[in-house]
Amino acid sequence: MDTFLPREIYLIIGIAIFCLIVFLLFFSDHSMEKKKINESQKKICNELGKDSSINLNLAITYSEMNQIDKAKEFLEKIKIDELEDKEKDAYYSIANKFN
């Protein structure tokens, strides 16, 4: 009976440490993953540019390939307010070709 109590204490301490490690790993990974995902999304957006610029480039590309329907779809997605002056000129020139 002398060894029963220390074995029980060691078992309880071991289970408590295991639970603590699992708890820390579970919650620390999720918070770090969310930060990494947000940072990677920001990097991708900065590399590609604004959505309107991307849609304008796609519209230009499709118009050069004579795929007018797809080019019109991308032109409809463009928010003219977000475009720069050069991009606005390109937008209006492509839009005039289709009308």
C-alpha atoms as a PDB file:
ATOM      1  CA  MET A   1       0.000   0.000   0.000  1.00  0.00           C
ATOM      2  CA  ASP A   2       2.939   2.339   0.389  1.00  0.00           C
ATOM      3  CA  THR A   3       3.514   2.573  -3.361  1.00  0.00           C
ATOM      4  CA  PHE A   4      -0.158   3.040  -4.303  1.00  0.00           C
ATOM      5  CA  LEU A   5      -0.383   6.712  -3.305  1.00  0.00           C
ATOM      6  CA  PRO A   6       2.749   7.895  -5.157  1.00  0.00           C
ATOM      7  CA  ARG A   7       1.679   6.038  -8.313  1.00  0.00           C
ATOM      8  CA  GLU A   8      -1.711   7.716  -8.164  1.00  0.00           C
ATOM      9  CA  ILE A   9      -0.165  11.144  -7.660  1.00  0.00           C
ATOM     10  CA  TYR A  10       2.251  10.612 -10.555  1.00  0.00           C
ATOM     11  CA  LEU A  11      -0.647   9.521 -12.754  1.00  0.00           C
ATOM     12  CA  ILE A  12      -2.704  12.598 -11.891  1.00  0.00           C
ATOM     13  CA  ILE A  13       0.269  14.920 -12.418  1.00  0.00           C
ATOM     14  CA  GLY A  14       1.069  13.236 -15.751  1.00  0.00           C
ATOM     15  CA  ILE A  15      -2.514  13.539 -16.973  1.00  0.00           C
ATOM     16  CA  ALA A  16      -2.633  17.190 -15.880  1.00  0.00           C
ATOM     17  CA  ILE A  17       0.594  17.995 -17.747  1.00  0.00           C
ATOM     18  CA  PHE A  18      -0.641  16.170 -20.855  1.00  0.00           C
ATOM     19  CA  CYS A  19      -3.939  18.087 -20.796  1.00  0.00           C
ATOM     20  CA  LEU A  20      -2.079  21.369 -20.333  1.00  0.00           C
ATOM     21  CA  ILE A  21       0.190  20.665 -23.312  1.00  0.00           C
ATOM     22  CA  VAL A  22      -2.733  19.663 -25.545  1.00  0.00           C
ATOM     23  CA  PHE A  23      -4.669  22.758 -24.470  1.00  0.00           C
ATOM     24  CA  LEU A  24      -1.752  25.090 -25.193  1.00  0.00           C
ATOM     25  CA  LEU A  25      -0.996  23.529 -28.563  1.00  0.00           C
ATOM     26  CA  PHE A  26      -4.621  23.604 -29.656  1.00  0.00           C
ATOM     27  CA  PHE A  27      -5.290  27.243 -28.834  1.00  0.00           C
ATOM     28  CA  SER A  28      -1.903  28.707 -29.752  1.00  0.00           C
ATOM     29  CA  ASP A  29      -1.919  27.143 -33.250  1.00  0.00           C
ATOM     30  CA  HIS A  30      -5.311  28.541 -34.189  1.00  0.00           C
ATOM     31  CA  SER A  31      -4.458  32.097 -33.253  1.00  0.00           C
ATOM     32  CA  MET A  32      -1.176  31.953 -35.170  1.00  0.00           C
ATOM     33  CA  GLU A  33      -2.851  30.394 -38.225  1.00  0.00           C
ATOM     34  CA  LYS A  34      -5.447  33.156 -38.363  1.00  0.00           C
ATOM     35  CA  LYS A  35      -2.718  35.805 -38.270  1.00  0.00           C
ATOM     36  CA  LYS A  36      -0.760  34.038 -40.999  1.00  0.00           C
ATOM     37  CA  ILE A  37      -3.843  33.710 -43.203  1.00  0.00           C
ATOM     38  CA  ASN A  38      -4.708  37.392 -42.826  1.00  0.00           C
ATOM     39  CA  GLU A  39      -1.134  38.423 -43.623  1.00  0.00           C
ATOM     40  CA  SER A  40      -0.970  36.177 -46.681  1.00  0.00           C
ATOM     41  CA  GLN A  41      -4.292  37.531 -47.991  1.00  0.00           C
ATOM     42  CA  LYS A  42      -3.016  41.089 -47.622  1.00  0.00           C
ATOM     43  CA  LYS A  43       0.182  40.204 -49.492  1.00  0.00           C
ATOM     44  CA  ILE A  44      -1.768  38.619 -52.334  1.00  0.00           C
ATOM     45  CA  CYS A  45      -4.043  41.649 -52.648  1.00  0.00           C
ATOM     46  CA  ASN A  46      -1.060  43.998 -52.691  1.00  0.00           C
ATOM     47  CA  GLU A  47       0.731  41.940 -55.321  1.00  0.00           C
ATOM     48  CA  LEU A  48      -2.241  41.705 -57.664  1.00  0.00           C
ATOM     49  CA  GLY A  49      -3.590  45.202 -57.211  1.00  0.00           C
ATOM     50  CA  LYS A  50      -7.120  46.430 -56.811  1.00  0.00           C
ATOM     51  CA  ASP A  51     -10.053  44.320 -57.917  1.00  0.00           C
ATOM     52  CA  SER A  52     -11.082  46.924 -60.450  1.00  0.00           C
ATOM     53  CA  SER A  53      -7.595  46.964 -61.967  1.00  0.00           C
ATOM     54  CA  ILE A  54      -7.564  43.188 -62.196  1.00  0.00           C
ATOM     55  CA  ASN A  55     -10.982  43.125 -63.852  1.00  0.00           C
ATOM     56  CA  LEU A  56      -9.888  45.856 -66.274  1.00  0.00           C
ATOM     57  CA  ASN A  57      -6.794  43.877 -67.255  1.00  0.00           C
ATOM     58  CA  LEU A  58      -8.904  40.789 -67.803  1.00  0.00           C
ATOM     59  CA  ALA A  59     -11.398  42.750 -69.876  1.00  0.00           C
ATOM     60  CA  ILE A  60      -8.577  44.114 -72.027  1.00  0.00           C
ATOM     61  CA  THR A  61      -7.162  40.639 -72.487  1.00  0.00           C
ATOM     62  CA  TYR A  62     -10.497  39.120 -73.474  1.00  0.00           C
ATOM     63  CA  SER A  63     -11.259  41.986 -75.841  1.00  0.00           C
ATOM     64  CA  GLU A  64      -7.910  41.412 -77.574  1.00  0.00           C
ATOM     65  CA  MET A  65      -8.840  37.739 -77.954  1.00  0.00           C
ATOM     66  CA  ASN A  66     -12.219  38.754 -79.430  1.00  0.00           C
ATOM     67  CA  GLN A  67     -14.164  37.134 -76.584  1.00  0.00           C
ATOM     68  CA  ILE A  68     -16.564  40.002 -76.211  1.00  0.00           C
ATOM     69  CA  ASP A  69     -19.032  38.349 -73.825  1.00  0.00           C
ATOM     70  CA  LYS A  70     -16.379  37.619 -71.216  1.00  0.00           C
ATOM     71  CA  ALA A  71     -14.867  41.068 -71.633  1.00  0.00           C
ATOM     72  CA  LYS A  72     -18.287  42.647 -71.013  1.00  0.00           C
ATOM     73  CA  GLU A  73     -18.714  40.559 -67.867  1.00  0.00           C
ATOM     74  CA  PHE A  74     -15.455  41.908 -66.456  1.00  0.00           C
ATOM     75  CA  LEU A  75     -16.323  45.459 -67.485  1.00  0.00           C
ATOM     76  CA  GLU A  76     -19.568  45.200 -65.511  1.00  0.00           C
ATOM     77  CA  LYS A  77     -17.643  44.217 -62.378  1.00  0.00           C
ATOM     78  CA  ILE A  78     -15.419  47.304 -62.516  1.00  0.00           C
ATOM     79  CA  LYS A  79     -16.049  50.182 -60.127  1.00  0.00           C
ATOM     80  CA  ILE A  80     -15.034  53.253 -62.105  1.00  0.00           C
ATOM     81  CA  ASP A  81     -14.431  55.324 -58.959  1.00  0.00           C
ATOM     82  CA  GLU A  82     -11.528  53.061 -57.956  1.00  0.00           C
ATOM     83  CA  LEU A  83      -9.688  53.416 -61.267  1.00  0.00           C
ATOM     84  CA  GLU A  84      -6.829  55.803 -61.939  1.00  0.00           C
ATOM     85  CA  ASP A  85      -6.912  58.238 -64.859  1.00  0.00           C
ATOM     86  CA  LYS A  86      -5.028  55.977 -67.283  1.00  0.00           C
ATOM     87  CA  GLU A  87      -7.209  53.041 -66.301  1.00  0.00           C
ATOM     88  CA  LYS A  88     -10.356  55.118 -66.830  1.00  0.00           C
ATOM     89  CA  ASP A  89      -9.202  55.973 -70.342  1.00  0.00           C
ATOM     90  CA  ALA A  90      -8.623  52.288 -71.083  1.00  0.00           C
ATOM     91  CA  TYR A  91     -12.027  51.426 -69.601  1.00  0.00           C
ATOM     92  CA  TYR A  92     -13.863  53.959 -71.741  1.00  0.00           C
ATOM     93  CA  SER A  93     -11.994  52.947 -74.910  1.00  0.00           C
ATOM     94  CA  ILE A  94     -12.922  49.275 -74.405  1.00  0.00           C
ATOM     95  CA  ALA A  95     -16.502  50.131 -73.448  1.00  0.00           C
ATOM     96  CA  ASN A  96     -16.849  52.249 -76.610  1.00  0.00           C
ATOM     97  CA  LYS A  97     -15.627  49.347 -78.768  1.00  0.00           C
ATOM     98  CA  PHE A  98     -18.475  47.180 -77.534  1.00  0.00           C
ATOM     99  CA  ASN A  99     -21.204  49.801 -77.986  1.00  0.00           C
END
